[in-house]
Amino acid sequence: MLRSIDEIAQALAAFAKSSSAEQVSLRSVWALYRREHVKRLAAPEMADLSWQNLEQYFGDLSETDFNQAAVIE
């Protein structure tokens, strides 16, 4: 389980390196996470609701833009 913004940013950067895309957004990471992991949650609809609230702020951020400063804004 990821515990800090720095760990999330590192995981996002690792995902971007393994992707053939030029730039990876949190939206694309969410799509992968949802497809692979959300179905195993006790309440997947809560994960979807959380993402709906976060997407407007973080969805377009890339691995290089996602950091503690972006979260604080």
PDB file of N, CA and C in Angstrom:
ATOM      1  N   MET A   1       0.841  -1.180   0.000  1.00  0.00           N
ATOM      2  CA  MET A   1       0.000   0.000   0.000  1.00  0.00           C
ATOM      3  C   MET A   1       0.884   1.241   0.000  1.00  0.00           C
ATOM      4  N   LEU A   2       0.538   2.203  -0.832  1.00  0.00           N
ATOM      5  CA  LEU A   2       1.288   3.450  -0.903  1.00  0.00           C
ATOM      6  C   LEU A   2       0.866   4.350   0.251  1.00  0.00           C
ATOM      7  N   ARG A   3       1.846   4.955   0.904  1.00  0.00           N
ATOM      8  CA  ARG A   3       1.549   5.708   2.110  1.00  0.00           C
ATOM      9  C   ARG A   3       1.828   7.199   2.023  1.00  0.00           C
ATOM     10  N   SER A   4       2.522   7.646   1.020  1.00  0.00           N
ATOM     11  CA  SER A   4       2.832   9.070   0.938  1.00  0.00           C
ATOM     12  C   SER A   4       2.749   9.544  -0.508  1.00  0.00           C
ATOM     13  N   ILE A   5       2.681  10.845  -0.652  1.00  0.00           N
ATOM     14  CA  ILE A   5       2.660  11.446  -1.988  1.00  0.00           C
ATOM     15  C   ILE A   5       3.920  11.059  -2.749  1.00  0.00           C
ATOM     16  N   ASP A   6       5.063  11.054  -2.057  1.00  0.00           N
ATOM     17  CA  ASP A   6       6.321  10.685  -2.714  1.00  0.00           C
ATOM     18  C   ASP A   6       6.276   9.249  -3.234  1.00  0.00           C
ATOM     19  N   GLU A   7       5.709   8.335  -2.464  1.00  0.00           N
ATOM     20  CA  GLU A   7       5.602   6.947  -2.923  1.00  0.00           C
ATOM     21  C   GLU A   7       4.679   6.846  -4.136  1.00  0.00           C
ATOM     22  N   ILE A   8       3.596   7.594  -4.119  1.00  0.00           N
ATOM     23  CA  ILE A   8       2.669   7.590  -5.253  1.00  0.00           C
ATOM     24  C   ILE A   8       3.360   8.161  -6.485  1.00  0.00           C
ATOM     25  N   ALA A   9       4.084   9.257  -6.301  1.00  0.00           N
ATOM     26  CA  ALA A   9       4.803   9.875  -7.421  1.00  0.00           C
ATOM     27  C   ALA A   9       5.843   8.910  -7.992  1.00  0.00           C
ATOM     28  N   GLN A  10       6.537   8.183  -7.133  1.00  0.00           N
ATOM     29  CA  GLN A  10       7.530   7.210  -7.593  1.00  0.00           C
ATOM     30  C   GLN A  10       6.854   6.074  -8.358  1.00  0.00           C
ATOM     31  N   ALA A  11       5.737   5.599  -7.853  1.00  0.00           N
ATOM     32  CA  ALA A  11       5.002   4.535  -8.539  1.00  0.00           C
ATOM     33  C   ALA A  11       4.493   5.021  -9.892  1.00  0.00           C
ATOM     34  N   LEU A  12       4.026   6.252  -9.940  1.00  0.00           N
ATOM     35  CA  LEU A  12       3.547   6.837 -11.190  1.00  0.00           C
ATOM     36  C   LEU A  12       4.686   6.969 -12.193  1.00  0.00           C
ATOM     37  N   ALA A  13       5.846   7.390 -11.732  1.00  0.00           N
ATOM     38  CA  ALA A  13       7.006   7.506 -12.614  1.00  0.00           C
ATOM     39  C   ALA A  13       7.423   6.138 -13.139  1.00  0.00           C
ATOM     40  N   ALA A  14       7.389   5.126 -12.292  1.00  0.00           N
ATOM     41  CA  ALA A  14       7.728   3.762 -12.716  1.00  0.00           C
ATOM     42  C   ALA A  14       6.735   3.270 -13.756  1.00  0.00           C
ATOM     43  N   PHE A  15       5.453   3.570 -13.550  1.00  0.00           N
ATOM     44  CA  PHE A  15       4.426   3.189 -14.515  1.00  0.00           C
ATOM     45  C   PHE A  15       4.675   3.883 -15.844  1.00  0.00           C
ATOM     46  N   ALA A  16       5.029   5.159 -15.786  1.00  0.00           N
ATOM     47  CA  ALA A  16       5.280   5.921 -17.006  1.00  0.00           C
ATOM     48  C   ALA A  16       6.454   5.336 -17.778  1.00  0.00           C
ATOM     49  N   LYS A  17       7.489   4.935 -17.089  1.00  0.00           N
ATOM     50  CA  LYS A  17       8.660   4.346 -17.749  1.00  0.00           C
ATOM     51  C   LYS A  17       8.309   3.034 -18.440  1.00  0.00           C
ATOM     52  N   SER A  18       7.372   2.283 -17.841  1.00  0.00           N
ATOM     53  CA  SER A  18       6.996   1.001 -18.423  1.00  0.00           C
ATOM     54  C   SER A  18       5.948   1.139 -19.523  1.00  0.00           C
ATOM     55  N   SER A  19       5.403   2.339 -19.679  1.00  0.00           N
ATOM     56  CA  SER A  19       4.368   2.593 -20.678  1.00  0.00           C
ATOM     57  C   SER A  19       5.001   3.081 -21.973  1.00  0.00           C
ATOM     58  N   SER A  20       4.340   2.799 -23.056  1.00  0.00           N
ATOM     59  CA  SER A  20       4.825   3.294 -24.347  1.00  0.00           C
ATOM     60  C   SER A  20       4.333   4.722 -24.616  1.00  0.00           C
ATOM     61  N   ALA A  21       3.471   5.229 -23.756  1.00  0.00           N
ATOM     62  CA  ALA A  21       2.947   6.578 -23.941  1.00  0.00           C
ATOM     63  C   ALA A  21       4.031   7.607 -23.641  1.00  0.00           C
ATOM     64  N   GLU A  22       3.943   8.731 -24.331  1.00  0.00           N
ATOM     65  CA  GLU A  22       4.909   9.804 -24.119  1.00  0.00           C
ATOM     66  C   GLU A  22       4.768  10.398 -22.725  1.00  0.00           C
ATOM     67  N   GLN A  23       3.537  10.576 -22.297  1.00  0.00           N
ATOM     68  CA  GLN A  23       3.259  11.121 -20.976  1.00  0.00           C
ATOM     69  C   GLN A  23       2.084  10.361 -20.386  1.00  0.00           C
ATOM     70  N   VAL A  24       2.171  10.043 -19.112  1.00  0.00           N
ATOM     71  CA  VAL A  24       1.128   9.274 -18.445  1.00  0.00           C
ATOM     72  C   VAL A  24       0.425  10.177 -17.445  1.00  0.00           C
ATOM     73  N   SER A  25      -0.894  10.224 -17.519  1.00  0.00           N
ATOM     74  CA  SER A  25      -1.664  11.041 -16.579  1.00  0.00           C
ATOM     75  C   SER A  25      -2.194  10.165 -15.454  1.00  0.00           C
ATOM     76  N   LEU A  26      -2.560  10.815 -14.363  1.00  0.00           N
ATOM     77  CA  LEU A  26      -3.182  10.060 -13.275  1.00  0.00           C
ATOM     78  C   LEU A  26      -4.482   9.421 -13.744  1.00  0.00           C
ATOM     79  N   ARG A  27      -5.161  10.059 -14.688  1.00  0.00           N
ATOM     80  CA  ARG A  27      -6.403   9.482 -15.233  1.00  0.00           C
ATOM     81  C   ARG A  27      -6.131   8.104 -15.851  1.00  0.00           C
ATOM     82  N   SER A  28      -5.034   7.981 -16.598  1.00  0.00           N
ATOM     83  CA  SER A  28      -4.720   6.686 -17.214  1.00  0.00           C
ATOM     84  C   SER A  28      -4.287   5.668 -16.165  1.00  0.00           C
ATOM     85  N   VAL A  29      -3.606   6.133 -15.131  1.00  0.00           N
ATOM     86  CA  VAL A  29      -3.226   5.228 -14.040  1.00  0.00           C
ATOM     87  C   VAL A  29      -4.485   4.739 -13.323  1.00  0.00           C
ATOM     88  N   TRP A  30      -5.435   5.650 -13.084  1.00  0.00           N
ATOM     89  CA  TRP A  30      -6.687   5.252 -12.433  1.00  0.00           C
ATOM     90  C   TRP A  30      -7.415   4.194 -13.269  1.00  0.00           C
ATOM     91  N   ALA A  31      -7.462   4.384 -14.572  1.00  0.00           N
ATOM     92  CA  ALA A  31      -8.153   3.425 -15.437  1.00  0.00           C
ATOM     93  C   ALA A  31      -7.540   2.033 -15.285  1.00  0.00           C
ATOM     94  N   LEU A  32      -6.226   1.966 -15.257  1.00  0.00           N
ATOM     95  CA  LEU A  32      -5.551   0.680 -15.068  1.00  0.00           C
ATOM     96  C   LEU A  32      -5.829   0.122 -13.679  1.00  0.00           C
ATOM     97  N   TYR A  33      -5.698   0.956 -12.664  1.00  0.00           N
ATOM     98  CA  TYR A  33      -5.943   0.513 -11.290  1.00  0.00           C
ATOM     99  C   TYR A  33      -7.381   0.025 -11.134  1.00  0.00           C
ATOM    100  N   ARG A  34      -8.313   0.767 -11.701  1.00  0.00           N
ATOM    101  CA  ARG A  34      -9.717   0.368 -11.589  1.00  0.00           C
ATOM    102  C   ARG A  34      -9.957  -0.990 -12.242  1.00  0.00           C
ATOM    103  N   ARG A  35      -9.417  -1.164 -13.423  1.00  0.00           N
ATOM    104  CA  ARG A  35      -9.598  -2.421 -14.151  1.00  0.00           C
ATOM    105  C   ARG A  35      -8.979  -3.599 -13.403  1.00  0.00           C
ATOM    106  N   GLU A  36      -7.813  -3.391 -12.799  1.00  0.00           N
ATOM    107  CA  GLU A  36      -7.081  -4.491 -12.188  1.00  0.00           C
ATOM    108  C   GLU A  36      -7.399  -4.734 -10.715  1.00  0.00           C
ATOM    109  N   HIS A  37      -7.791  -3.683  -9.981  1.00  0.00           N
ATOM    110  CA  HIS A  37      -7.873  -3.834  -8.532  1.00  0.00           C
ATOM    111  C   HIS A  37      -9.201  -3.463  -7.881  1.00  0.00           C
ATOM    112  N   VAL A  38      -9.912  -2.506  -8.425  1.00  0.00           N
ATOM    113  CA  VAL A  38     -11.115  -2.017  -7.756  1.00  0.00           C
ATOM    114  C   VAL A  38     -12.159  -3.110  -7.603  1.00  0.00           C
ATOM    115  N   LYS A  39     -12.220  -4.013  -8.539  1.00  0.00           N
ATOM    116  CA  LYS A  39     -13.230  -5.080  -8.461  1.00  0.00           C
ATOM    117  C   LYS A  39     -13.055  -5.951  -7.215  1.00  0.00           C
ATOM    118  N   ARG A  40     -11.855  -5.940  -6.623  1.00  0.00           N
ATOM    119  CA  ARG A  40     -11.592  -6.761  -5.432  1.00  0.00           C
ATOM    120  C   ARG A  40     -11.940  -6.051  -4.128  1.00  0.00           C
ATOM    121  N   LEU A  41     -12.285  -4.792  -4.198  1.00  0.00           N
ATOM    122  CA  LEU A  41     -12.608  -4.032  -2.997  1.00  0.00           C
ATOM    123  C   LEU A  41     -13.988  -4.417  -2.473  1.00  0.00           C
ATOM    124  N   ALA A  42     -14.180  -4.235  -1.190  1.00  0.00           N
ATOM    125  CA  ALA A  42     -15.482  -4.535  -0.587  1.00  0.00           C
ATOM    126  C   ALA A  42     -16.556  -3.590  -1.110  1.00  0.00           C
ATOM    127  N   ALA A  43     -16.172  -2.355  -1.395  1.00  0.00           N
ATOM    128  CA  ALA A  43     -17.131  -1.358  -1.891  1.00  0.00           C
ATOM    129  C   ALA A  43     -16.523  -0.610  -3.077  1.00  0.00           C
ATOM    130  N   PRO A  44     -16.484  -1.244  -4.257  1.00  0.00           N
ATOM    131  CA  PRO A  44     -15.879  -0.589  -5.416  1.00  0.00           C
ATOM    132  C   PRO A  44     -16.543   0.738  -5.775  1.00  0.00           C
ATOM    133  N   GLU A  45     -17.804   0.882  -5.471  1.00  0.00           N
ATOM    134  CA  GLU A  45     -18.494   2.128  -5.792  1.00  0.00           C
ATOM    135  C   GLU A  45     -17.916   3.308  -4.992  1.00  0.00           C
ATOM    136  N   MET A  46     -17.358   3.032  -3.819  1.00  0.00           N
ATOM    137  CA  MET A  46     -16.735   4.096  -3.038  1.00  0.00           C
ATOM    138  C   MET A  46     -15.434   4.561  -3.690  1.00  0.00           C
ATOM    139  N   ALA A  47     -14.696   3.641  -4.282  1.00  0.00           N
ATOM    140  CA  ALA A  47     -13.476   4.019  -5.011  1.00  0.00           C
ATOM    141  C   ALA A  47     -13.846   4.885  -6.207  1.00  0.00           C
ATOM    142  N   ASP A  48     -14.897   4.506  -6.915  1.00  0.00           N
ATOM    143  CA  ASP A  48     -15.357   5.303  -8.063  1.00  0.00           C
ATOM    144  C   ASP A  48     -15.799   6.695  -7.625  1.00  0.00           C
ATOM    145  N   LEU A  49     -16.515   6.769  -6.528  1.00  0.00           N
ATOM    146  CA  LEU A  49     -16.966   8.061  -6.020  1.00  0.00           C
ATOM    147  C   LEU A  49     -15.766   8.927  -5.616  1.00  0.00           C
ATOM    148  N   SER A  50     -14.800   8.324  -4.982  1.00  0.00           N
ATOM    149  CA  SER A  50     -13.594   9.067  -4.607  1.00  0.00           C
ATOM    150  C   SER A  50     -12.888   9.609  -5.836  1.00  0.00           C
ATOM    151  N   TRP A  51     -12.744   8.767  -6.858  1.00  0.00           N
ATOM    152  CA  TRP A  51     -12.071   9.237  -8.067  1.00  0.00           C
ATOM    153  C   TRP A  51     -12.868  10.349  -8.749  1.00  0.00           C
ATOM    154  N   GLN A  52     -14.173  10.261  -8.737  1.00  0.00           N
ATOM    155  CA  GLN A  52     -14.984  11.322  -9.337  1.00  0.00           C
ATOM    156  C   GLN A  52     -14.684  12.663  -8.681  1.00  0.00           C
ATOM    157  N   ASN A  53     -14.464  12.654  -7.382  1.00  0.00           N
ATOM    158  CA  ASN A  53     -14.144  13.886  -6.670  1.00  0.00           C
ATOM    159  C   ASN A  53     -12.716  14.356  -6.929  1.00  0.00           C
ATOM    160  N   LEU A  54     -11.788  13.439  -7.114  1.00  0.00           N
ATOM    161  CA  LEU A  54     -10.375  13.780  -7.298  1.00  0.00           C
ATOM    162  C   LEU A  54     -10.006  14.085  -8.748  1.00  0.00           C
ATOM    163  N   GLU A  55     -10.724  13.484  -9.678  1.00  0.00           N
ATOM    164  CA  GLU A  55     -10.347  13.574 -11.092  1.00  0.00           C
ATOM    165  C   GLU A  55     -10.241  15.017 -11.588  1.00  0.00           C
ATOM    166  N   GLN A  56     -11.158  15.870 -11.177  1.00  0.00           N
ATOM    167  CA  GLN A  56     -11.130  17.252 -11.662  1.00  0.00           C
ATOM    168  C   GLN A  56      -9.854  17.984 -11.245  1.00  0.00           C
ATOM    169  N   TYR A  57      -9.231  17.565 -10.163  1.00  0.00           N
ATOM    170  CA  TYR A  57      -8.014  18.213  -9.683  1.00  0.00           C
ATOM    171  C   TYR A  57      -6.741  17.518 -10.150  1.00  0.00           C
ATOM    172  N   PHE A  58      -6.781  16.198 -10.233  1.00  0.00           N
ATOM    173  CA  PHE A  58      -5.565  15.433 -10.478  1.00  0.00           C
ATOM    174  C   PHE A  58      -5.548  14.630 -11.767  1.00  0.00           C
ATOM    175  N   GLY A  59      -6.661  14.527 -12.446  1.00  0.00           N
ATOM    176  CA  GLY A  59      -6.763  13.663 -13.619  1.00  0.00           C
ATOM    177  C   GLY A  59      -5.772  13.948 -14.727  1.00  0.00           C
ATOM    178  N   ASP A  60      -5.495  15.218 -14.978  1.00  0.00           N
ATOM    179  CA  ASP A  60      -4.596  15.591 -16.072  1.00  0.00           C
ATOM    180  C   ASP A  60      -3.139  15.692 -15.662  1.00  0.00           C
ATOM    181  N   LEU A  61      -2.848  15.538 -14.383  1.00  0.00           N
ATOM    182  CA  LEU A  61      -1.462  15.637 -13.932  1.00  0.00           C
ATOM    183  C   LEU A  61      -0.644  14.466 -14.452  1.00  0.00           C
ATOM    184  N   SER A  62       0.568  14.777 -14.862  1.00  0.00           N
ATOM    185  CA  SER A  62       1.485  13.723 -15.314  1.00  0.00           C
ATOM    186  C   SER A  62       2.361  13.290 -14.149  1.00  0.00           C
ATOM    187  N   GLU A  63       3.195  12.305 -14.413  1.00  0.00           N
ATOM    188  CA  GLU A  63       4.088  11.819 -13.356  1.00  0.00           C
ATOM    189  C   GLU A  63       5.065  12.899 -12.901  1.00  0.00           C
ATOM    190  N   THR A  64       5.377  13.835 -13.766  1.00  0.00           N
ATOM    191  CA  THR A  64       6.302  14.901 -13.374  1.00  0.00           C
ATOM    192  C   THR A  64       5.593  16.052 -12.656  1.00  0.00           C
ATOM    193  N   ASP A  65       4.290  16.156 -12.830  1.00  0.00           N
ATOM    194  CA  ASP A  65       3.517  17.225 -12.207  1.00  0.00           C
ATOM    195  C   ASP A  65       2.933  16.834 -10.856  1.00  0.00           C
ATOM    196  N   PHE A  66       2.878  15.556 -10.572  1.00  0.00           N
ATOM    197  CA  PHE A  66       2.250  15.085  -9.346  1.00  0.00           C
ATOM    198  C   PHE A  66       3.253  15.087  -8.209  1.00  0.00           C
ATOM    199  N   ASN A  67       3.039  15.947  -7.231  1.00  0.00           N
ATOM    200  CA  ASN A  67       3.903  16.058  -6.079  1.00  0.00           C
ATOM    201  C   ASN A  67       3.121  16.692  -4.929  1.00  0.00           C
ATOM    202  N   GLN A  68       3.783  16.882  -3.806  1.00  0.00           N
ATOM    203  CA  GLN A  68       3.112  17.432  -2.629  1.00  0.00           C
ATOM    204  C   GLN A  68       2.555  18.819  -2.918  1.00  0.00           C
ATOM    205  N   ALA A  69       3.266  19.633  -3.672  1.00  0.00           N
ATOM    206  CA  ALA A  69       2.788  20.983  -3.998  1.00  0.00           C
ATOM    207  C   ALA A  69       1.479  20.930  -4.776  1.00  0.00           C
ATOM    208  N   ALA A  70       1.360  19.978  -5.699  1.00  0.00           N
ATOM    209  CA  ALA A  70       0.112  19.838  -6.468  1.00  0.00           C
ATOM    210  C   ALA A  70      -1.045  19.453  -5.571  1.00  0.00           C
ATOM    211  N   VAL A  71      -0.769  18.657  -4.573  1.00  0.00           N
ATOM    212  CA  VAL A  71      -1.825  18.222  -3.641  1.00  0.00           C
ATOM    213  C   VAL A  71      -2.256  19.376  -2.759  1.00  0.00           C
ATOM    214  N   ILE A  72      -1.323  20.178  -2.330  1.00  0.00           N
ATOM    215  CA  ILE A  72      -1.633  21.304  -1.438  1.00  0.00           C
ATOM    216  C   ILE A  72      -2.457  22.377  -2.146  1.00  0.00           C
ATOM    217  N   GLU A  73      -2.180  22.586  -3.455  1.00  0.00           N
ATOM    218  CA  GLU A  73      -2.927  23.594  -4.217  1.00  0.00           C
ATOM    219  C   GLU A  73      -4.361  23.288  -4.123  1.00  0.00           C
TER     220      GLU A  73
END
